[in-house]
Amino acid sequence: MTINNVGGPGAAPIRSVPTVKPQETTAAQQATPAGAQADAVAGDDAVSLTAGTRQLRDVERQLTQEEPAFDAKRVEALKQAVASGEYRVDSRRVAARLLDFENDLSR
């Protein structure tokens, strides 16, 4: 297959690359268990994590193991109270919390 006009006018066409055949295994490779070959290769490489990366990994583990950050029962009770018209909003409390929030932002 030839792809033309790659790289602009006058560029050489790109031709497909033939498929590479898998290497044949030698008798020694066939006699060695696959795990031993992997261990020999892996033994040459080493990975070390920075302190920040280890800390991030630990935090991620804790977050995935903890309970949700909200109380599902309370949320359901509030939904029912709103749906039935029983939920009352304390406007003074809401206003006070908004002012507190704005004051915290301005600091």
PDB file of N, CA and C in Angstrom:
ATOM      1  N   MET A   1       0.852  -1.166   0.000  1.00  0.00           N
ATOM      2  CA  MET A   1       0.000   0.000   0.000  1.00  0.00           C
ATOM      3  C   MET A   1       0.897   1.227   0.000  1.00  0.00           C
ATOM      4  N   THR A   2       0.582   2.209  -0.795  1.00  0.00           N
ATOM      5  CA  THR A   2       1.355   3.434  -0.885  1.00  0.00           C
ATOM      6  C   THR A   2       0.483   4.599  -0.452  1.00  0.00           C
ATOM      7  N   ILE A   3       1.014   5.454   0.402  1.00  0.00           N
ATOM      8  CA  ILE A   3       0.311   6.661   0.832  1.00  0.00           C
ATOM      9  C   ILE A   3       1.022   7.832   0.187  1.00  0.00           C
ATOM     10  N   ASN A   4       0.308   8.598  -0.591  1.00  0.00           N
ATOM     11  CA  ASN A   4       0.902   9.733  -1.296  1.00  0.00           C
ATOM     12  C   ASN A   4       0.592  11.044  -0.579  1.00  0.00           C
ATOM     13  N   ASN A   5       1.349  12.059  -0.924  1.00  0.00           N
ATOM     14  CA  ASN A   5       1.135  13.422  -0.446  1.00  0.00           C
ATOM     15  C   ASN A   5       1.313  13.580   1.063  1.00  0.00           C
ATOM     16  N   VAL A   6       2.143  12.776   1.676  1.00  0.00           N
ATOM     17  CA  VAL A   6       2.465  12.961   3.079  1.00  0.00           C
ATOM     18  C   VAL A   6       3.742  13.781   3.131  1.00  0.00           C
ATOM     19  N   GLY A   7       3.707  14.873   3.829  1.00  0.00           N
ATOM     20  CA  GLY A   7       4.887  15.721   3.912  1.00  0.00           C
ATOM     21  C   GLY A   7       4.911  16.786   2.827  1.00  0.00           C
ATOM     22  N   GLY A   8       3.849  16.922   2.081  1.00  0.00           N
ATOM     23  CA  GLY A   8       3.758  17.988   1.095  1.00  0.00           C
ATOM     24  C   GLY A   8       4.093  17.504  -0.305  1.00  0.00           C
ATOM     25  N   PRO A   9       3.941  18.394  -1.267  1.00  0.00           N
ATOM     26  CA  PRO A   9       4.210  18.033  -2.663  1.00  0.00           C
ATOM     27  C   PRO A   9       5.683  17.708  -2.871  1.00  0.00           C
ATOM     28  N   GLY A  10       5.940  16.715  -3.671  1.00  0.00           N
ATOM     29  CA  GLY A  10       7.316  16.345  -3.978  1.00  0.00           C
ATOM     30  C   GLY A  10       7.946  15.407  -2.965  1.00  0.00           C
ATOM     31  N   ALA A  11       7.267  15.104  -1.861  1.00  0.00           N
ATOM     32  CA  ALA A  11       7.830  14.196  -0.865  1.00  0.00           C
ATOM     33  C   ALA A  11       7.716  12.765  -1.369  1.00  0.00           C
ATOM     34  N   ALA A  12       8.654  11.925  -0.974  1.00  0.00           N
ATOM     35  CA  ALA A  12       8.628  10.527  -1.399  1.00  0.00           C
ATOM     36  C   ALA A  12       7.445   9.815  -0.753  1.00  0.00           C
ATOM     37  N   PRO A  13       6.779   8.923  -1.481  1.00  0.00           N
ATOM     38  CA  PRO A  13       5.653   8.190  -0.890  1.00  0.00           C
ATOM     39  C   PRO A  13       6.129   7.265   0.214  1.00  0.00           C
ATOM     40  N   ILE A  14       5.246   7.014   1.165  1.00  0.00           N
ATOM     41  CA  ILE A  14       5.540   6.104   2.279  1.00  0.00           C
ATOM     42  C   ILE A  14       4.987   4.739   1.908  1.00  0.00           C
ATOM     43  N   ARG A  15       5.808   3.745   2.059  1.00  0.00           N
ATOM     44  CA  ARG A  15       5.383   2.383   1.708  1.00  0.00           C
ATOM     45  C   ARG A  15       5.209   1.570   2.986  1.00  0.00           C
ATOM     46  N   SER A  16       4.319   0.612   2.929  1.00  0.00           N
ATOM     47  CA  SER A  16       4.076  -0.213   4.116  1.00  0.00           C
ATOM     48  C   SER A  16       5.294  -1.073   4.405  1.00  0.00           C
ATOM     49  N   VAL A  17       5.482  -1.392   5.670  1.00  0.00           N
ATOM     50  CA  VAL A  17       6.611  -2.192   6.130  1.00  0.00           C
ATOM     51  C   VAL A  17       6.168  -3.647   6.174  1.00  0.00           C
ATOM     52  N   PRO A  18       6.983  -4.566   5.687  1.00  0.00           N
ATOM     53  CA  PRO A  18       6.582  -5.977   5.738  1.00  0.00           C
ATOM     54  C   PRO A  18       6.452  -6.455   7.176  1.00  0.00           C
ATOM     55  N   THR A  19       5.605  -7.422   7.374  1.00  0.00           N
ATOM     56  CA  THR A  19       5.377  -7.991   8.694  1.00  0.00           C
ATOM     57  C   THR A  19       6.625  -8.716   9.161  1.00  0.00           C
ATOM     58  N   VAL A  20       6.984  -8.520  10.424  1.00  0.00           N
ATOM     59  CA  VAL A  20       8.168  -9.157  10.997  1.00  0.00           C
ATOM     60  C   VAL A  20       7.752 -10.502  11.562  1.00  0.00           C
ATOM     61  N   LYS A  21       8.525 -11.524  11.218  1.00  0.00           N
ATOM     62  CA  LYS A  21       8.241 -12.867  11.735  1.00  0.00           C
ATOM     63  C   LYS A  21       8.784 -12.989  13.148  1.00  0.00           C
ATOM     64  N   PRO A  22       8.097 -13.732  14.027  1.00  0.00           N
ATOM     65  CA  PRO A  22       8.633 -13.937  15.372  1.00  0.00           C
ATOM     66  C   PRO A  22       9.934 -14.727  15.308  1.00  0.00           C
ATOM     67  N   GLN A  23      10.827 -14.429  16.255  1.00  0.00           N
ATOM     68  CA  GLN A  23      12.103 -15.133  16.289  1.00  0.00           C
ATOM     69  C   GLN A  23      11.880 -16.583  16.678  1.00  0.00           C
ATOM     70  N   GLU A  24      12.707 -17.431  16.087  1.00  0.00           N
ATOM     71  CA  GLU A  24      12.638 -18.838  16.464  1.00  0.00           C
ATOM     72  C   GLU A  24      13.380 -19.008  17.785  1.00  0.00           C
ATOM     73  N   THR A  25      12.854 -19.869  18.648  1.00  0.00           N
ATOM     74  CA  THR A  25      13.508 -20.094  19.932  1.00  0.00           C
ATOM     75  C   THR A  25      14.570 -21.165  19.778  1.00  0.00           C
ATOM     76  N   THR A  26      15.655 -20.980  20.486  1.00  0.00           N
ATOM     77  CA  THR A  26      16.728 -21.961  20.446  1.00  0.00           C
ATOM     78  C   THR A  26      16.409 -23.080  21.414  1.00  0.00           C
ATOM     79  N   ALA A  27      17.158 -24.149  21.321  1.00  0.00           N
ATOM     80  CA  ALA A  27      16.950 -25.289  22.210  1.00  0.00           C
ATOM     81  C   ALA A  27      17.180 -24.882  23.661  1.00  0.00           C
ATOM     82  N   ALA A  28      18.150 -23.989  23.919  1.00  0.00           N
ATOM     83  CA  ALA A  28      18.427 -23.531  25.287  1.00  0.00           C
ATOM     84  C   ALA A  28      17.261 -22.727  25.834  1.00  0.00           C
ATOM     85  N   GLN A  29      16.659 -21.882  24.966  1.00  0.00           N
ATOM     86  CA  GLN A  29      15.515 -21.090  25.416  1.00  0.00           C
ATOM     87  C   GLN A  29      14.309 -21.977  25.700  1.00  0.00           C
ATOM     88  N   GLN A  30      14.137 -23.018  24.899  1.00  0.00           N
ATOM     89  CA  GLN A  30      13.012 -23.923  25.113  1.00  0.00           C
ATOM     90  C   GLN A  30      13.184 -24.709  26.403  1.00  0.00           C
ATOM     91  N   ALA A  31      14.424 -24.999  26.792  1.00  0.00           N
ATOM     92  CA  ALA A  31      14.682 -25.769  27.996  1.00  0.00           C
ATOM     93  C   ALA A  31      14.549 -24.924  29.254  1.00  0.00           C
ATOM     94  N   THR A  32      14.668 -23.591  29.133  1.00  0.00           N
ATOM     95  CA  THR A  32      14.581 -22.701  30.285  1.00  0.00           C
ATOM     96  C   THR A  32      13.128 -22.311  30.512  1.00  0.00           C
ATOM     97  N   PRO A  33      12.622 -22.422  31.747  1.00  0.00           N
ATOM     98  CA  PRO A  33      11.243 -22.000  32.018  1.00  0.00           C
ATOM     99  C   PRO A  33      11.069 -20.506  31.737  1.00  0.00           C
ATOM    100  N   ALA A  34       9.877 -20.125  31.302  1.00  0.00           N
ATOM    101  CA  ALA A  34       9.595 -18.731  30.942  1.00  0.00           C
ATOM    102  C   ALA A  34       9.833 -17.793  32.121  1.00  0.00           C
ATOM    103  N   GLY A  35       9.473 -18.200  33.324  1.00  0.00           N
ATOM    104  CA  GLY A  35       9.661 -17.366  34.504  1.00  0.00           C
ATOM    105  C   GLY A  35      11.123 -17.057  34.755  1.00  0.00           C
ATOM    106  N   ALA A  36      11.993 -18.036  34.496  1.00  0.00           N
ATOM    107  CA  ALA A  36      13.420 -17.831  34.712  1.00  0.00           C
ATOM    108  C   ALA A  36      13.962 -16.800  33.736  1.00  0.00           C
ATOM    109  N   GLN A  37      13.459 -16.827  32.477  1.00  0.00           N
ATOM    110  CA  GLN A  37      13.896 -15.833  31.506  1.00  0.00           C
ATOM    111  C   GLN A  37      13.462 -14.445  31.949  1.00  0.00           C
ATOM    112  N   ALA A  38      12.231 -14.323  32.428  1.00  0.00           N
ATOM    113  CA  ALA A  38      11.731 -13.025  32.875  1.00  0.00           C
ATOM    114  C   ALA A  38      12.534 -12.527  34.068  1.00  0.00           C
ATOM    115  N   ASP A  39      12.884 -13.429  34.992  1.00  0.00           N
ATOM    116  CA  ASP A  39      13.661 -13.030  36.168  1.00  0.00           C
ATOM    117  C   ASP A  39      15.037 -12.531  35.753  1.00  0.00           C
ATOM    118  N   ALA A  40      15.641 -13.183  34.771  1.00  0.00           N
ATOM    119  CA  ALA A  40      16.966 -12.774  34.328  1.00  0.00           C
ATOM    120  C   ALA A  40      16.916 -11.378  33.717  1.00  0.00           C
ATOM    121  N   VAL A  41      15.902 -11.102  32.951  1.00  0.00           N
ATOM    122  CA  VAL A  41      15.773  -9.786  32.337  1.00  0.00           C
ATOM    123  C   VAL A  41      15.408  -8.747  33.388  1.00  0.00           C
ATOM    124  N   ALA A  42      14.439  -9.074  34.250  1.00  0.00           N
ATOM    125  CA  ALA A  42      13.977  -8.120  35.254  1.00  0.00           C
ATOM    126  C   ALA A  42      15.055  -7.824  36.286  1.00  0.00           C
ATOM    127  N   GLY A  43      15.981  -8.731  36.502  1.00  0.00           N
ATOM    128  CA  GLY A  43      17.029  -8.520  37.489  1.00  0.00           C
ATOM    129  C   GLY A  43      17.955  -7.371  37.131  1.00  0.00           C
ATOM    130  N   ASP A  44      18.018  -7.018  35.868  1.00  0.00           N
ATOM    131  CA  ASP A  44      18.894  -5.937  35.432  1.00  0.00           C
ATOM    132  C   ASP A  44      18.299  -4.557  35.686  1.00  0.00           C
ATOM    133  N   ASP A  45      16.988  -4.467  35.799  1.00  0.00           N
ATOM    134  CA  ASP A  45      16.314  -3.182  35.942  1.00  0.00           C
ATOM    135  C   ASP A  45      15.947  -2.925  37.400  1.00  0.00           C
ATOM    136  N   ALA A  46      15.919  -1.652  37.769  1.00  0.00           N
ATOM    137  CA  ALA A  46      15.529  -1.272  39.126  1.00  0.00           C
ATOM    138  C   ALA A  46      14.664  -0.020  39.049  1.00  0.00           C
ATOM    139  N   VAL A  47      13.663   0.026  39.904  1.00  0.00           N
ATOM    140  CA  VAL A  47      12.777   1.177  39.972  1.00  0.00           C
ATOM    141  C   VAL A  47      12.780   1.678  41.403  1.00  0.00           C
ATOM    142  N   SER A  48      12.919   2.990  41.561  1.00  0.00           N
ATOM    143  CA  SER A  48      12.824   3.560  42.899  1.00  0.00           C
ATOM    144  C   SER A  48      11.839   4.726  42.838  1.00  0.00           C
ATOM    145  N   LEU A  49      11.016   4.827  43.860  1.00  0.00           N
ATOM    146  CA  LEU A  49      10.009   5.871  43.927  1.00  0.00           C
ATOM    147  C   LEU A  49      10.482   6.985  44.852  1.00  0.00           C
ATOM    148  N   THR A  50      10.169   8.207  44.497  1.00  0.00           N
ATOM    149  CA  THR A  50      10.522   9.326  45.358  1.00  0.00           C
ATOM    150  C   THR A  50       9.606   9.313  46.580  1.00  0.00           C
ATOM    151  N   ALA A  51       9.983  10.051  47.584  1.00  0.00           N
ATOM    152  CA  ALA A  51       9.167  10.114  48.802  1.00  0.00           C
ATOM    153  C   ALA A  51       7.776  10.660  48.495  1.00  0.00           C
ATOM    154  N   GLY A  52       7.701  11.656  47.625  1.00  0.00           N
ATOM    155  CA  GLY A  52       6.407  12.228  47.253  1.00  0.00           C
ATOM    156  C   GLY A  52       5.526  11.218  46.543  1.00  0.00           C
ATOM    157  N   THR A  53       6.127  10.416  45.671  1.00  0.00           N
ATOM    158  CA  THR A  53       5.364   9.398  44.952  1.00  0.00           C
ATOM    159  C   THR A  53       4.859   8.330  45.908  1.00  0.00           C
ATOM    160  N   ARG A  54       5.692   7.919  46.850  1.00  0.00           N
ATOM    161  CA  ARG A  54       5.244   6.922  47.840  1.00  0.00           C
ATOM    162  C   ARG A  54       4.103   7.476  48.685  1.00  0.00           C
ATOM    163  N   GLN A  55       4.216   8.746  49.066  1.00  0.00           N
ATOM    164  CA  GLN A  55       3.164   9.361  49.869  1.00  0.00           C
ATOM    165  C   GLN A  55       1.865   9.441  49.074  1.00  0.00           C
ATOM    166  N   LEU A  56       1.954   9.817  47.817  1.00  0.00           N
ATOM    167  CA  LEU A  56       0.776   9.893  46.955  1.00  0.00           C
ATOM    168  C   LEU A  56       0.125   8.520  46.798  1.00  0.00           C
ATOM    169  N   ARG A  57       0.931   7.490  46.629  1.00  0.00           N
ATOM    170  CA  ARG A  57       0.424   6.121  46.519  1.00  0.00           C
ATOM    171  C   ARG A  57      -0.296   5.711  47.803  1.00  0.00           C
ATOM    172  N   ASP A  58       0.261   6.053  48.956  1.00  0.00           N
ATOM    173  CA  ASP A  58      -0.365   5.713  50.232  1.00  0.00           C
ATOM    174  C   ASP A  58      -1.693   6.437  50.414  1.00  0.00           C
ATOM    175  N   VAL A  59      -1.741   7.709  50.032  1.00  0.00           N
ATOM    176  CA  VAL A  59      -2.984   8.478  50.135  1.00  0.00           C
ATOM    177  C   VAL A  59      -4.047   7.877  49.221  1.00  0.00           C
ATOM    178  N   GLU A  60      -3.655   7.490  48.017  1.00  0.00           N
ATOM    179  CA  GLU A  60      -4.595   6.875  47.074  1.00  0.00           C
ATOM    180  C   GLU A  60      -5.157   5.582  47.652  1.00  0.00           C
ATOM    181  N   ARG A  61      -4.316   4.780  48.266  1.00  0.00           N
ATOM    182  CA  ARG A  61      -4.795   3.528  48.882  1.00  0.00           C
ATOM    183  C   ARG A  61      -5.788   3.817  50.001  1.00  0.00           C
ATOM    184  N   GLN A  62      -5.487   4.809  50.823  1.00  0.00           N
ATOM    185  CA  GLN A  62      -6.396   5.150  51.921  1.00  0.00           C
ATOM    186  C   GLN A  62      -7.736   5.627  51.398  1.00  0.00           C
ATOM    187  N   LEU A  63      -7.719   6.444  50.358  1.00  0.00           N
ATOM    188  CA  LEU A  63      -8.966   6.975  49.810  1.00  0.00           C
ATOM    189  C   LEU A  63      -9.835   5.882  49.210  1.00  0.00           C
ATOM    190  N   THR A  64      -9.217   4.887  48.604  1.00  0.00           N
ATOM    191  CA  THR A  64     -10.005   3.825  47.995  1.00  0.00           C
ATOM    192  C   THR A  64     -10.549   2.855  49.024  1.00  0.00           C
ATOM    193  N   GLN A  65      -9.970   2.818  50.210  1.00  0.00           N
ATOM    194  CA  GLN A  65     -10.409   1.894  51.241  1.00  0.00           C
ATOM    195  C   GLN A  65     -11.395   2.515  52.218  1.00  0.00           C
ATOM    196  N   GLU A  66     -11.487   3.837  52.248  1.00  0.00           N
ATOM    197  CA  GLU A  66     -12.341   4.511  53.221  1.00  0.00           C
ATOM    198  C   GLU A  66     -13.796   4.519  52.777  1.00  0.00           C
ATOM    199  N   GLU A  67     -14.635   4.835  53.730  1.00  0.00           N
ATOM    200  CA  GLU A  67     -16.060   4.990  53.479  1.00  0.00           C
ATOM    201  C   GLU A  67     -16.284   6.249  52.637  1.00  0.00           C
ATOM    202  N   PRO A  68     -17.434   6.377  51.993  1.00  0.00           N
ATOM    203  CA  PRO A  68     -17.714   7.604  51.229  1.00  0.00           C
ATOM    204  C   PRO A  68     -17.654   8.835  52.126  1.00  0.00           C
ATOM    205  N   ALA A  69     -17.424  10.007  51.533  1.00  0.00           N
ATOM    206  CA  ALA A  69     -17.275  11.252  52.280  1.00  0.00           C
ATOM    207  C   ALA A  69     -18.614  11.841  52.708  1.00  0.00           C
ATOM    208  N   PHE A  70     -19.715  11.147  52.463  1.00  0.00           N
ATOM    209  CA  PHE A  70     -21.022  11.646  52.864  1.00  0.00           C
ATOM    210  C   PHE A  70     -21.827  10.508  53.491  1.00  0.00           C
ATOM    211  N   ASP A  71     -22.841  10.893  54.246  1.00  0.00           N
ATOM    212  CA  ASP A  71     -23.704   9.932  54.929  1.00  0.00           C
ATOM    213  C   ASP A  71     -24.917   9.662  54.039  1.00  0.00           C
ATOM    214  N   ALA A  72     -24.936   8.499  53.416  1.00  0.00           N
ATOM    215  CA  ALA A  72     -25.992   8.163  52.464  1.00  0.00           C
ATOM    216  C   ALA A  72     -27.375   8.168  53.122  1.00  0.00           C
ATOM    217  N   LYS A  73     -27.445   7.740  54.376  1.00  0.00           N
ATOM    218  CA  LYS A  73     -28.742   7.720  55.076  1.00  0.00           C
ATOM    219  C   LYS A  73     -29.261   9.144  55.281  1.00  0.00           C
ATOM    220  N   ARG A  74     -28.366  10.047  55.657  1.00  0.00           N
ATOM    221  CA  ARG A  74     -28.779  11.443  55.863  1.00  0.00           C
ATOM    222  C   ARG A  74     -29.230  12.074  54.540  1.00  0.00           C
ATOM    223  N   VAL A  75     -28.515  11.793  53.473  1.00  0.00           N
ATOM    224  CA  VAL A  75     -28.886  12.332  52.163  1.00  0.00           C
ATOM    225  C   VAL A  75     -30.274  11.831  51.774  1.00  0.00           C
ATOM    226  N   GLU A  76     -30.536  10.565  51.977  1.00  0.00           N
ATOM    227  CA  GLU A  76     -31.853  10.002  51.641  1.00  0.00           C
ATOM    228  C   GLU A  76     -32.948  10.634  52.498  1.00  0.00           C
ATOM    229  N   ALA A  77     -32.670  10.840  53.793  1.00  0.00           N
ATOM    230  CA  ALA A  77     -33.657  11.471  54.669  1.00  0.00           C
ATOM    231  C   ALA A  77     -33.950  12.906  54.221  1.00  0.00           C
ATOM    232  N   LEU A  78     -32.913  13.636  53.819  1.00  0.00           N
ATOM    233  CA  LEU A  78     -33.107  15.004  53.328  1.00  0.00           C
ATOM    234  C   LEU A  78     -33.901  15.020  52.020  1.00  0.00           C
ATOM    235  N   LYS A  79     -33.631  14.077  51.140  1.00  0.00           N
ATOM    236  CA  LYS A  79     -34.386  13.984  49.887  1.00  0.00           C
ATOM    237  C   LYS A  79     -35.870  13.770  50.162  1.00  0.00           C
ATOM    238  N   GLN A  80     -36.140  12.882  51.099  1.00  0.00           N
ATOM    239  CA  GLN A  80     -37.545  12.603  51.442  1.00  0.00           C
ATOM    240  C   GLN A  80     -38.213  13.821  52.069  1.00  0.00           C
ATOM    241  N   ALA A  81     -37.486  14.532  52.935  1.00  0.00           N
ATOM    242  CA  ALA A  81     -38.042  15.725  53.580  1.00  0.00           C
ATOM    243  C   ALA A  81     -38.333  16.816  52.551  1.00  0.00           C
ATOM    244  N   VAL A  82     -37.445  16.990  51.578  1.00  0.00           N
ATOM    245  CA  VAL A  82     -37.669  17.987  50.528  1.00  0.00           C
ATOM    246  C   VAL A  82     -38.867  17.577  49.676  1.00  0.00           C
ATOM    247  N   ALA A  83     -38.932  16.309  49.301  1.00  0.00           N
ATOM    248  CA  ALA A  83     -40.020  15.826  48.450  1.00  0.00           C
ATOM    249  C   ALA A  83     -41.380  15.964  49.129  1.00  0.00           C
ATOM    250  N   SER A  84     -41.407  15.759  50.429  1.00  0.00           N
ATOM    251  CA  SER A  84     -42.688  15.820  51.145  1.00  0.00           C
ATOM    252  C   SER A  84     -43.029  17.237  51.613  1.00  0.00           C
ATOM    253  N   GLY A  85     -42.103  18.185  51.431  1.00  0.00           N
ATOM    254  CA  GLY A  85     -42.351  19.564  51.850  1.00  0.00           C
ATOM    255  C   GLY A  85     -42.080  19.816  53.319  1.00  0.00           C
ATOM    256  N   GLU A  86     -41.494  18.877  54.008  1.00  0.00           N
ATOM    257  CA  GLU A  86     -41.203  19.011  55.442  1.00  0.00           C
ATOM    258  C   GLU A  86     -39.876  19.723  55.719  1.00  0.00           C
ATOM    259  N   TYR A  87     -39.018  19.846  54.716  1.00  0.00           N
ATOM    260  CA  TYR A  87     -37.708  20.468  54.925  1.00  0.00           C
ATOM    261  C   TYR A  87     -37.854  21.982  55.010  1.00  0.00           C
ATOM    262  N   ARG A  88     -37.338  22.573  56.079  1.00  0.00           N
ATOM    263  CA  ARG A  88     -37.406  24.020  56.292  1.00  0.00           C
ATOM    264  C   ARG A  88     -35.996  24.600  56.237  1.00  0.00           C
ATOM    265  N   VAL A  89     -35.850  25.695  55.518  1.00  0.00           N
ATOM    266  CA  VAL A  89     -34.563  26.366  55.393  1.00  0.00           C
ATOM    267  C   VAL A  89     -34.506  27.495  56.415  1.00  0.00           C
ATOM    268  N   ASP A  90     -33.439  27.525  57.224  1.00  0.00           N
ATOM    269  CA  ASP A  90     -33.219  28.602  58.183  1.00  0.00           C
ATOM    270  C   ASP A  90     -32.400  29.673  57.462  1.00  0.00           C
ATOM    271  N   SER A  91     -33.083  30.692  56.940  1.00  0.00           N
ATOM    272  CA  SER A  91     -32.426  31.704  56.108  1.00  0.00           C
ATOM    273  C   SER A  91     -31.351  32.476  56.874  1.00  0.00           C
ATOM    274  N   ARG A  92     -31.551  32.709  58.171  1.00  0.00           N
ATOM    275  CA  ARG A  92     -30.520  33.414  58.956  1.00  0.00           C
ATOM    276  C   ARG A  92     -29.248  32.578  59.062  1.00  0.00           C
ATOM    277  N   ARG A  93     -29.407  31.279  59.240  1.00  0.00           N
ATOM    278  CA  ARG A  93     -28.247  30.395  59.339  1.00  0.00           C
ATOM    279  C   ARG A  93     -27.506  30.343  58.000  1.00  0.00           C
ATOM    280  N   VAL A  94     -28.249  30.252  56.900  1.00  0.00           N
ATOM    281  CA  VAL A  94     -27.641  30.227  55.568  1.00  0.00           C
ATOM    282  C   VAL A  94     -26.867  31.525  55.329  1.00  0.00           C
ATOM    283  N   ALA A  95     -27.466  32.665  55.660  1.00  0.00           N
ATOM    284  CA  ALA A  95     -26.807  33.961  55.472  1.00  0.00           C
ATOM    285  C   ALA A  95     -25.544  34.055  56.324  1.00  0.00           C
ATOM    286  N   ALA A  96     -25.609  33.588  57.548  1.00  0.00           N
ATOM    287  CA  ALA A  96     -24.439  33.634  58.429  1.00  0.00           C
ATOM    288  C   ALA A  96     -23.312  32.770  57.871  1.00  0.00           C
ATOM    289  N   ARG A  97     -23.655  31.595  57.363  1.00  0.00           N
ATOM    290  CA  ARG A  97     -22.636  30.706  56.792  1.00  0.00           C
ATOM    291  C   ARG A  97     -22.021  31.315  55.533  1.00  0.00           C
ATOM    292  N   LEU A  98     -22.847  31.960  54.703  1.00  0.00           N
ATOM    293  CA  LEU A  98     -22.320  32.617  53.506  1.00  0.00           C
ATOM    294  C   LEU A  98     -21.350  33.731  53.870  1.00  0.00           C
ATOM    295  N   LEU A  99     -21.698  34.529  54.885  1.00  0.00           N
ATOM    296  CA  LEU A  99     -20.800  35.597  55.334  1.00  0.00           C
ATOM    297  C   LEU A  99     -19.497  35.027  55.884  1.00  0.00           C
ATOM    298  N   ASP A 100     -19.596  33.955  56.668  1.00  0.00           N
ATOM    299  CA  ASP A 100     -18.386  33.305  57.184  1.00  0.00           C
ATOM    300  C   ASP A 100     -17.490  32.836  56.039  1.00  0.00           C
ATOM    301  N   PHE A 101     -18.111  32.246  55.034  1.00  0.00           N
ATOM    302  CA  PHE A 101     -17.371  31.751  53.867  1.00  0.00           C
ATOM    303  C   PHE A 101     -16.667  32.899  53.136  1.00  0.00           C
ATOM    304  N   GLU A 102     -17.392  33.994  52.928  1.00  0.00           N
ATOM    305  CA  GLU A 102     -16.809  35.157  52.248  1.00  0.00           C
ATOM    306  C   GLU A 102     -15.662  35.740  53.066  1.00  0.00           C
ATOM    307  N   ASN A 103     -15.816  35.781  54.371  1.00  0.00           N
ATOM    308  CA  ASN A 103     -14.735  36.290  55.236  1.00  0.00           C
ATOM    309  C   ASN A 103     -13.506  35.377  55.152  1.00  0.00           C
ATOM    310  N   ASP A 104     -13.720  34.073  55.103  1.00  0.00           N
ATOM    311  CA  ASP A 104     -12.597  33.157  54.994  1.00  0.00           C
ATOM    312  C   ASP A 104     -11.869  33.339  53.665  1.00  0.00           C
ATOM    313  N   LEU A 105     -12.620  33.605  52.598  1.00  0.00           N
ATOM    314  CA  LEU A 105     -12.003  33.803  51.293  1.00  0.00           C
ATOM    315  C   LEU A 105     -11.173  35.081  51.229  1.00  0.00           C
ATOM    316  N   SER A 106     -11.607  36.116  51.927  1.00  0.00           N
ATOM    317  CA  SER A 106     -10.906  37.394  51.862  1.00  0.00           C
ATOM    318  C   SER A 106      -9.651  37.419  52.715  1.00  0.00           C
ATOM    319  N   ARG A 107      -9.452  36.455  53.573  1.00  0.00           N
ATOM    320  CA  ARG A 107      -8.244  36.421  54.429  1.00  0.00           C
ATOM    321  C   ARG A 107      -7.041  35.989  53.701  1.00  0.00           C
TER     322      ARG A 107
END
